[in-house]
Amino acid sequence: MDLSRRNFLKAALAGAAVAALPITGKSEAEASTSDTIGHTVSPGRAISKHVNIMMPRMAPHHDIVDSHLHFYDFTQDSDGFPALIEAMDASGVSESVIFGMGIAKQWDETLDEAPSTFLSNDSRCYYYPATDYMLAEELLAQPKEIRQRFHPFCCGINGNDRFAADHIRQLLKHYPNFWCGIGEIMSRHDTLTALTYGEPPHCNSKAFKAIYDLGAQEGLPVLIHHNITAQHSEKAIYLDELKEALAHNRNCKIIWAHVGVSRQTKIKELAKIADKLLKENSNLWMDISWVVYDHYIQDDFHSRFRDGDTMDDWVNLIEKYPDRFMIGTDKVGHWQSYPIEVFKYYDLLSRLKPETAAKICRENILSLIKKY
């Protein structure tokens, strides 16, 4: 079966079994417009929306690599790369790790209004592997000066599926010399995984362990979202699952998104838990994007939950492990408030040694990703 890459993507978006479809050859017209990794560049179909970026009042004075950025939202919509570049430039962000959204929100036929996030209503969510193919084609449609600023990860992965590692191998084959990492893969994520079809995934499953083995083999870091606890428990009831995942393959570099918390979790003395994990696991890195910074690291306690730590506690922890932390925006497909998510870190950065600030701003994530 001879299937062009463009038709392959259409089949993927239509829900075809993408992992089973071969990609063989290109037409003469496609070959004349291919880029350096052998894929069709089609600038005419790229997403480009006009967005009113909320411009900061101060000039950026840190060079940042965004370590956690979703190009698509939960409806697989996006403002596009041109608007994202504008937002990044306004924020002093020179490069970014980027991935799609591995879970999509269903629009139930009984509802007139379309959902915008997974929390819009109680309709179900489902794993959406086509997000990786969409991202790859969209990024490859950009001019070189845009493409070279992004480091794509693949994320459309069902952590319950023991075929998951095989599906990633298919992505590596279809887009050679392209993927720089794996993730964000959803493990325990309170309301989101509760709404998603199937059993809640957990990061020490056989499927996840196969992904860690593949990551180690291919030199790809694995970014996982794994909550440390459930919504109504202040005990770290899911911490042992993470410990088992880390111990499975020490050659796999695991990035723990948001230090294991999300909007609904409440856990005491998270900095002390993080300290012990970093001491015991040399293959662990921590991403302090999203609400872990707002609810746990900042001193004004947006969530009204006092976990027992101060920003100074986190400063001391980061200085103790300066090579193991990174910052990101965790923006989801839309860039209007992107600068806010960057400049919020300036208070923390001002308290760190300059060399430590440089590491968590860019050097640590760049040291992990696969380079071609």
Protein backbone atom coordinates (compact mmCIF):
# COMPACT_ATOMS: atom_id res chain seq x y z
CA MET A 1 0.00 0.00 0.00
CA ASP A 2 1.57 3.26 -1.17
CA LEU A 3 0.36 6.11 1.05
CA SER A 4 1.73 9.65 0.96
CA ARG A 5 2.52 11.39 4.21
CA ARG A 6 -0.25 13.93 3.63
CA ASN A 7 -2.84 11.18 3.12
CA PHE A 8 -1.37 9.30 6.05
CA LEU A 9 -2.04 12.29 8.30
CA LYS A 10 -5.59 12.55 7.00
CA ALA A 11 -6.12 8.90 7.84
CA ALA A 12 -4.71 9.45 11.32
CA LEU A 13 -7.02 12.38 11.94
CA ALA A 14 -9.96 10.28 10.79
CA GLY A 15 -9.17 7.74 13.49
CA ALA A 16 -7.31 5.21 11.39
CA ALA A 17 -4.99 2.74 13.02
CA VAL A 18 -1.95 4.85 12.32
CA ALA A 19 0.64 2.51 13.75
CA ALA A 20 -0.25 -0.17 11.23
CA LEU A 21 -0.08 1.98 8.10
CA PRO A 22 3.14 2.00 6.05
CA ILE A 23 4.64 5.15 4.61
CA THR A 24 6.47 4.38 1.41
CA GLY A 25 7.95 6.93 -0.90
CA LYS A 26 6.99 10.40 -2.03
CA SER A 27 5.72 11.87 -5.25
CA GLU A 28 8.07 13.91 -7.39
CA ALA A 29 6.19 17.09 -6.37
CA GLU A 30 6.54 16.25 -2.69
CA ALA A 31 10.23 15.50 -3.07
CA SER A 32 10.83 18.94 -4.55
CA THR A 33 9.44 20.67 -1.42
CA SER A 34 10.75 18.36 1.33
CA ASP A 35 12.87 19.64 4.19
CA THR A 36 16.02 18.16 5.69
CA ILE A 37 14.36 15.19 7.38
CA GLY A 38 12.38 14.14 4.33
CA HIS A 39 8.89 15.44 5.05
CA THR A 40 6.63 17.70 3.09
CA VAL A 41 6.68 21.38 3.96
CA SER A 42 3.29 22.95 3.26
CA PRO A 43 3.30 26.56 4.52
CA GLY A 44 -0.12 27.28 3.04
CA ARG A 45 -1.98 25.13 5.55
CA ALA A 46 -0.24 26.27 8.76
CA ILE A 47 -2.32 27.65 11.64
CA SER A 48 -1.94 31.41 12.01
CA LYS A 49 -4.42 33.25 14.24
CA HIS A 50 -4.36 36.88 15.32
CA VAL A 51 -3.89 37.00 19.08
CA ASN A 52 -3.69 40.04 21.35
CA ILE A 53 -0.73 39.10 23.50
CA MET A 54 -0.77 40.66 26.98
CA MET A 55 2.57 42.41 26.67
CA PRO A 56 4.68 42.72 29.84
CA ARG A 57 5.50 46.12 31.32
CA MET A 58 9.13 45.16 31.81
CA ALA A 59 11.78 43.99 29.40
CA PRO A 60 12.86 40.37 29.84
CA HIS A 61 16.32 39.90 31.33
CA HIS A 62 16.56 36.10 31.40
CA ASP A 63 17.12 33.86 28.37
CA ILE A 64 14.64 31.04 28.94
CA VAL A 65 13.88 27.68 27.35
CA ASP A 66 10.25 26.80 28.08
CA SER A 67 10.41 23.20 29.29
CA HIS A 68 6.66 22.47 29.21
CA LEU A 69 4.38 23.76 26.44
CA HIS A 70 1.30 22.23 24.78
CA PHE A 71 0.76 23.39 21.19
CA TYR A 72 -2.86 22.17 21.28
CA ASP A 73 -5.64 22.46 23.83
CA PHE A 74 -8.09 19.73 24.85
CA THR A 75 -10.13 20.30 21.68
CA GLN A 76 -6.92 20.03 19.59
CA ASP A 77 -7.14 23.72 18.70
CA SER A 78 -4.23 26.19 18.73
CA ASP A 79 -3.41 29.84 18.12
CA GLY A 80 -0.52 28.70 15.92
CA PHE A 81 3.21 29.24 15.73
CA PRO A 82 3.39 32.89 14.54
CA ALA A 83 1.45 34.11 17.58
CA LEU A 84 3.47 31.81 19.83
CA ILE A 85 6.72 33.27 18.51
CA GLU A 86 5.41 36.77 19.24
CA ALA A 87 4.55 35.75 22.81
CA MET A 88 7.91 34.04 23.32
CA ASP A 89 9.85 37.04 22.02
CA ALA A 90 7.96 39.35 24.39
CA SER A 91 8.88 37.04 27.28
CA GLY A 92 12.56 36.40 26.61
CA VAL A 93 11.93 32.77 25.65
CA SER A 94 14.34 31.81 22.89
CA GLU A 95 13.46 28.11 22.62
CA SER A 96 10.83 25.68 23.85
CA VAL A 97 10.08 22.04 24.35
CA ILE A 98 6.72 21.55 22.67
CA PHE A 99 4.13 18.77 22.50
CA GLY A 100 0.50 18.33 21.59
CA MET A 101 -2.28 17.32 23.95
CA GLY A 102 -2.45 13.58 24.46
CA ILE A 103 -6.04 13.62 25.73
CA ALA A 104 -9.03 15.15 23.92
CA LYS A 105 -12.34 16.31 25.38
CA GLN A 106 -15.50 14.82 23.90
CA TRP A 107 -18.32 17.15 22.79
CA ASP A 108 -21.45 15.28 23.81
CA GLU A 109 -24.31 15.40 21.33
CA THR A 110 -26.73 16.49 24.07
CA LEU A 111 -24.82 19.74 24.70
CA ASP A 112 -25.22 22.83 22.53
CA GLU A 113 -22.07 24.55 23.78
CA ALA A 114 -18.69 23.05 22.88
CA PRO A 115 -16.26 22.42 25.75
CA SER A 116 -13.01 24.35 25.87
CA THR A 117 -11.18 22.46 28.63
CA PHE A 118 -11.54 19.05 30.23
CA LEU A 119 -13.31 20.79 33.14
CA SER A 120 -15.98 22.47 30.99
CA ASN A 121 -18.50 19.74 31.83
CA ASP A 122 -18.59 16.11 32.94
CA SER A 123 -18.40 14.55 29.46
CA ARG A 124 -15.64 12.03 28.94
CA CYS A 125 -12.10 12.44 27.61
CA TYR A 126 -10.12 10.00 25.47
CA TYR A 127 -6.54 9.38 24.38
CA TYR A 128 -5.73 11.15 21.12
CA PRO A 129 -2.62 9.80 19.34
CA ALA A 130 -3.21 11.94 16.23
CA THR A 131 -1.99 14.96 18.21
CA ASP A 132 1.61 13.89 17.55
CA TYR A 133 1.12 13.69 13.80
CA MET A 134 -0.69 17.03 13.79
CA LEU A 135 2.14 18.69 15.73
CA ALA A 136 4.83 17.17 13.53
CA GLU A 137 3.17 18.34 10.30
CA GLU A 138 2.42 21.78 11.73
CA LEU A 139 5.99 22.31 12.95
CA LEU A 140 7.47 21.03 9.70
CA ALA A 141 5.28 23.51 7.81
CA GLN A 142 7.11 26.41 9.50
CA PRO A 143 10.15 28.19 8.08
CA LYS A 144 13.51 27.08 9.40
CA GLU A 145 13.92 30.08 11.72
CA ILE A 146 10.80 28.97 13.60
CA ARG A 147 11.43 25.21 13.48
CA GLN A 148 14.87 25.53 15.01
CA ARG A 149 13.44 27.16 18.15
CA PHE A 150 11.37 24.12 19.13
CA HIS A 151 12.20 20.70 20.55
CA PRO A 152 9.21 18.38 19.91
CA PHE A 153 8.15 15.62 22.30
CA CYS A 154 5.54 12.96 21.46
CA CYS A 155 2.69 12.72 23.94
CA GLY A 156 -0.36 10.99 22.40
CA ILE A 157 0.18 7.89 24.49
CA ASN A 158 -2.16 5.70 26.52
CA GLY A 159 -0.21 4.67 29.59
CA ASN A 160 -2.47 1.63 30.03
CA ASP A 161 -1.62 0.20 26.61
CA ARG A 162 1.30 -2.24 26.43
CA PHE A 163 1.57 -1.38 22.73
CA ALA A 164 2.45 2.20 23.73
CA ALA A 165 6.21 1.80 23.28
CA ASP A 166 5.62 0.24 19.86
CA HIS A 167 3.49 3.21 18.86
CA ILE A 168 6.33 5.54 19.85
CA ARG A 169 8.70 3.49 17.71
CA GLN A 170 6.36 4.07 14.77
CA LEU A 171 6.55 7.82 15.39
CA LEU A 172 10.35 7.66 15.49
CA LYS A 173 10.28 5.84 12.15
CA HIS A 174 7.76 8.14 10.46
CA TYR A 175 9.59 11.30 11.64
CA PRO A 176 13.28 10.37 11.85
CA ASN A 177 15.71 12.75 13.57
CA PHE A 178 12.77 14.79 14.85
CA TRP A 179 11.54 13.79 18.32
CA CYS A 180 13.63 15.14 21.21
CA GLY A 181 11.74 13.46 24.06
CA ILE A 182 8.61 11.64 25.18
CA GLY A 183 5.74 13.26 27.07
CA GLU A 184 3.87 14.78 28.73
CA ILE A 185 2.36 11.35 29.41
CA MET A 186 -0.57 11.30 31.78
CA SER A 187 -0.41 9.02 34.79
CA ARG A 188 -2.52 10.03 37.79
CA HIS A 189 -4.12 13.44 37.18
CA ASP A 190 -7.16 13.66 39.52
CA THR A 191 -10.21 14.90 37.57
CA LEU A 192 -8.65 14.50 34.13
CA THR A 193 -7.83 10.81 34.43
CA ALA A 194 -11.13 10.23 36.26
CA LEU A 195 -12.97 11.60 33.21
CA THR A 196 -10.87 9.66 30.68
CA TYR A 197 -12.16 6.39 29.24
CA GLY A 198 -10.45 3.31 30.65
CA GLU A 199 -8.70 2.59 33.91
CA PRO A 200 -6.63 5.37 35.49
CA PRO A 201 -3.00 4.87 34.39
CA HIS A 202 -0.15 4.60 36.86
CA CYS A 203 3.48 5.30 36.11
CA ASN A 204 4.85 1.95 37.31
CA SER A 205 2.71 -0.15 34.95
CA LYS A 206 4.17 -2.60 32.44
CA ALA A 207 3.25 -0.21 29.64
CA PHE A 208 5.06 2.70 31.27
CA LYS A 209 8.12 0.56 32.03
CA ALA A 210 8.39 -0.35 28.35
CA ILE A 211 8.34 3.37 27.56
CA TYR A 212 11.16 3.99 30.05
CA ASP A 213 13.20 1.23 28.40
CA LEU A 214 12.62 2.79 24.99
CA GLY A 215 13.53 6.24 26.31
CA ALA A 216 16.79 4.89 27.72
CA GLN A 217 17.56 3.04 24.48
CA GLU A 218 16.87 6.04 22.25
CA GLY A 219 18.28 8.74 24.54
CA LEU A 220 14.88 10.39 24.94
CA PRO A 221 13.85 11.88 28.31
CA VAL A 222 10.37 10.94 29.53
CA LEU A 223 8.11 13.64 30.98
CA ILE A 224 5.31 12.23 33.14
CA HIS A 225 2.40 13.77 34.99
CA HIS A 226 1.95 11.62 38.08
CA ASN A 227 0.13 13.10 41.04
CA ILE A 228 1.67 12.32 44.40
CA THR A 229 -1.75 11.88 45.98
CA ALA A 230 -5.50 11.88 45.34
CA GLN A 231 -7.86 14.84 45.57
CA HIS A 232 -9.05 14.25 49.13
CA SER A 233 -5.92 12.84 50.74
CA GLU A 234 -2.99 14.70 52.26
CA LYS A 235 -0.90 11.52 52.37
CA ALA A 236 1.52 10.72 49.53
CA ILE A 237 -0.43 7.61 48.58
CA TYR A 238 0.96 7.38 45.02
CA LEU A 239 4.60 8.15 45.81
CA ASP A 240 5.69 4.51 45.82
CA GLU A 241 4.51 4.15 42.21
CA LEU A 242 6.93 6.90 41.19
CA LYS A 243 9.77 5.33 43.17
CA GLU A 244 9.21 2.02 41.39
CA ALA A 245 9.16 3.79 38.02
CA LEU A 246 12.46 5.54 38.78
CA ALA A 247 14.10 2.31 39.91
CA HIS A 248 13.01 0.35 36.84
CA ASN A 249 15.65 1.69 34.44
CA ARG A 250 18.22 4.10 35.83
CA ASN A 251 19.34 4.98 32.31
CA CYS A 252 15.97 6.57 31.61
CA LYS A 253 15.88 10.27 32.46
CA ILE A 254 12.47 11.03 33.99
CA ILE A 255 11.08 14.55 34.34
CA TRP A 256 8.36 14.76 36.99
CA ALA A 257 5.83 17.37 35.90
CA HIS A 258 4.78 19.92 38.52
CA VAL A 259 6.57 17.96 41.28
CA GLY A 260 3.56 15.66 41.41
CA VAL A 261 0.79 18.12 42.18
CA SER A 262 -2.16 19.58 40.30
CA ARG A 263 -5.00 21.94 41.07
CA GLN A 264 -6.90 19.55 43.37
CA THR A 265 -4.03 18.01 45.35
CA LYS A 266 -2.91 19.04 48.83
CA ILE A 267 0.28 17.65 50.32
CA LYS A 268 2.34 18.82 53.27
CA GLU A 269 6.08 19.63 53.07
CA LEU A 270 6.45 18.91 49.36
CA ALA A 271 9.95 20.39 49.31
CA LYS A 272 11.15 17.80 51.82
CA ILE A 273 9.62 14.99 49.76
CA ALA A 274 11.31 16.37 46.64
CA ASP A 275 14.65 16.60 48.47
CA LYS A 276 14.56 12.94 49.47
CA LEU A 277 13.57 11.80 45.98
CA LEU A 278 16.36 13.76 44.34
CA LYS A 279 18.90 12.38 46.80
CA GLU A 280 17.85 8.79 46.11
CA ASN A 281 17.25 9.00 42.34
CA SER A 282 19.94 10.42 40.09
CA ASN A 283 17.69 9.91 37.03
CA LEU A 284 14.99 12.30 38.28
CA TRP A 285 14.42 15.93 37.22
CA MET A 286 11.63 18.24 38.38
CA ASP A 287 9.49 20.60 36.35
CA ILE A 288 8.10 23.43 38.50
CA SER A 289 5.56 24.68 35.95
CA TRP A 290 1.85 25.31 36.45
CA VAL A 291 0.24 25.27 39.90
CA VAL A 292 3.16 23.86 41.89
CA TYR A 293 4.76 27.29 41.57
CA ASP A 294 1.54 29.19 42.29
CA HIS A 295 0.30 27.01 45.14
CA TYR A 296 3.46 25.67 46.79
CA ILE A 297 6.55 27.72 45.91
CA GLN A 298 5.23 31.26 46.10
CA ASP A 299 4.68 32.63 49.59
CA ASP A 300 1.25 34.17 49.04
CA PHE A 301 -0.54 30.78 48.89
CA HIS A 302 -2.98 31.23 46.03
CA SER A 303 -4.71 27.98 46.94
CA ARG A 304 -5.15 28.98 50.60
CA PHE A 305 -3.45 25.71 51.46
CA ARG A 306 -0.39 26.15 53.65
CA ASP A 307 1.90 23.25 52.94
CA GLY A 308 4.55 24.23 55.46
CA ASP A 309 7.25 25.37 52.99
CA THR A 310 8.34 28.87 51.97
CA MET A 311 9.97 30.09 48.79
CA ASP A 312 13.25 30.19 50.70
CA ASP A 313 12.88 26.46 51.34
CA TRP A 314 12.56 25.92 47.59
CA VAL A 315 15.48 28.25 46.88
CA ASN A 316 17.64 26.19 49.22
CA LEU A 317 16.47 22.97 47.58
CA ILE A 318 17.20 24.23 44.07
CA GLU A 319 20.63 25.46 45.13
CA LYS A 320 21.27 22.01 46.62
CA TYR A 321 20.35 20.35 43.29
CA PRO A 322 20.97 23.11 40.72
CA ASP A 323 21.12 20.68 37.78
CA ARG A 324 17.75 19.03 38.45
CA PHE A 325 15.06 21.72 38.10
CA MET A 326 13.48 23.48 35.11
CA ILE A 327 10.74 26.04 34.46
CA GLY A 328 7.96 26.10 31.90
CA THR A 329 4.68 27.81 31.15
CA ASP A 330 2.39 24.78 30.66
CA LYS A 331 0.28 26.94 28.34
CA VAL A 332 -2.29 24.91 26.45
CA GLY A 333 -2.74 25.99 22.82
CA HIS A 334 -3.40 29.69 23.47
CA TRP A 335 -0.85 32.40 24.03
CA GLN A 336 -2.60 35.61 25.15
CA SER A 337 -1.36 35.34 28.74
CA TYR A 338 1.90 33.57 27.90
CA PRO A 339 4.18 36.35 29.25
CA ILE A 340 2.47 36.19 32.65
CA GLU A 341 3.47 32.54 33.00
CA VAL A 342 7.10 33.44 32.27
CA PHE A 343 7.53 36.57 34.35
CA LYS A 344 6.00 34.97 37.43
CA TYR A 345 9.31 33.10 37.91
CA TYR A 346 11.34 36.30 38.24
CA ASP A 347 10.86 36.47 42.01
CA LEU A 348 12.35 33.00 42.38
CA LEU A 349 15.13 33.66 39.86
CA SER A 350 16.16 36.83 41.71
CA ARG A 351 16.84 34.79 44.85
CA LEU A 352 19.05 32.21 43.11
CA LYS A 353 22.73 32.44 42.29
CA PRO A 354 23.12 33.69 38.69
CA GLU A 355 24.64 30.40 37.59
CA THR A 356 21.76 28.45 39.17
CA ALA A 357 19.19 30.70 37.55
CA ALA A 358 20.80 30.09 34.16
CA LYS A 359 20.60 26.35 34.72
CA ILE A 360 16.91 26.20 35.59
CA CYS A 361 16.08 28.74 32.87
CA ARG A 362 17.66 26.82 30.02
CA GLU A 363 20.75 24.67 30.63
CA ASN A 364 19.09 21.80 32.49
CA ILE A 365 16.39 21.06 29.93
CA LEU A 366 18.82 21.45 27.03
CA SER A 367 21.13 18.91 28.67
CA LEU A 368 18.31 16.31 28.73
CA ILE A 369 16.71 16.50 25.31
CA LYS A 370 17.96 14.45 22.38
CA LYS A 371 19.80 16.52 19.79
CA TYR A 372 20.28 15.78 16.10
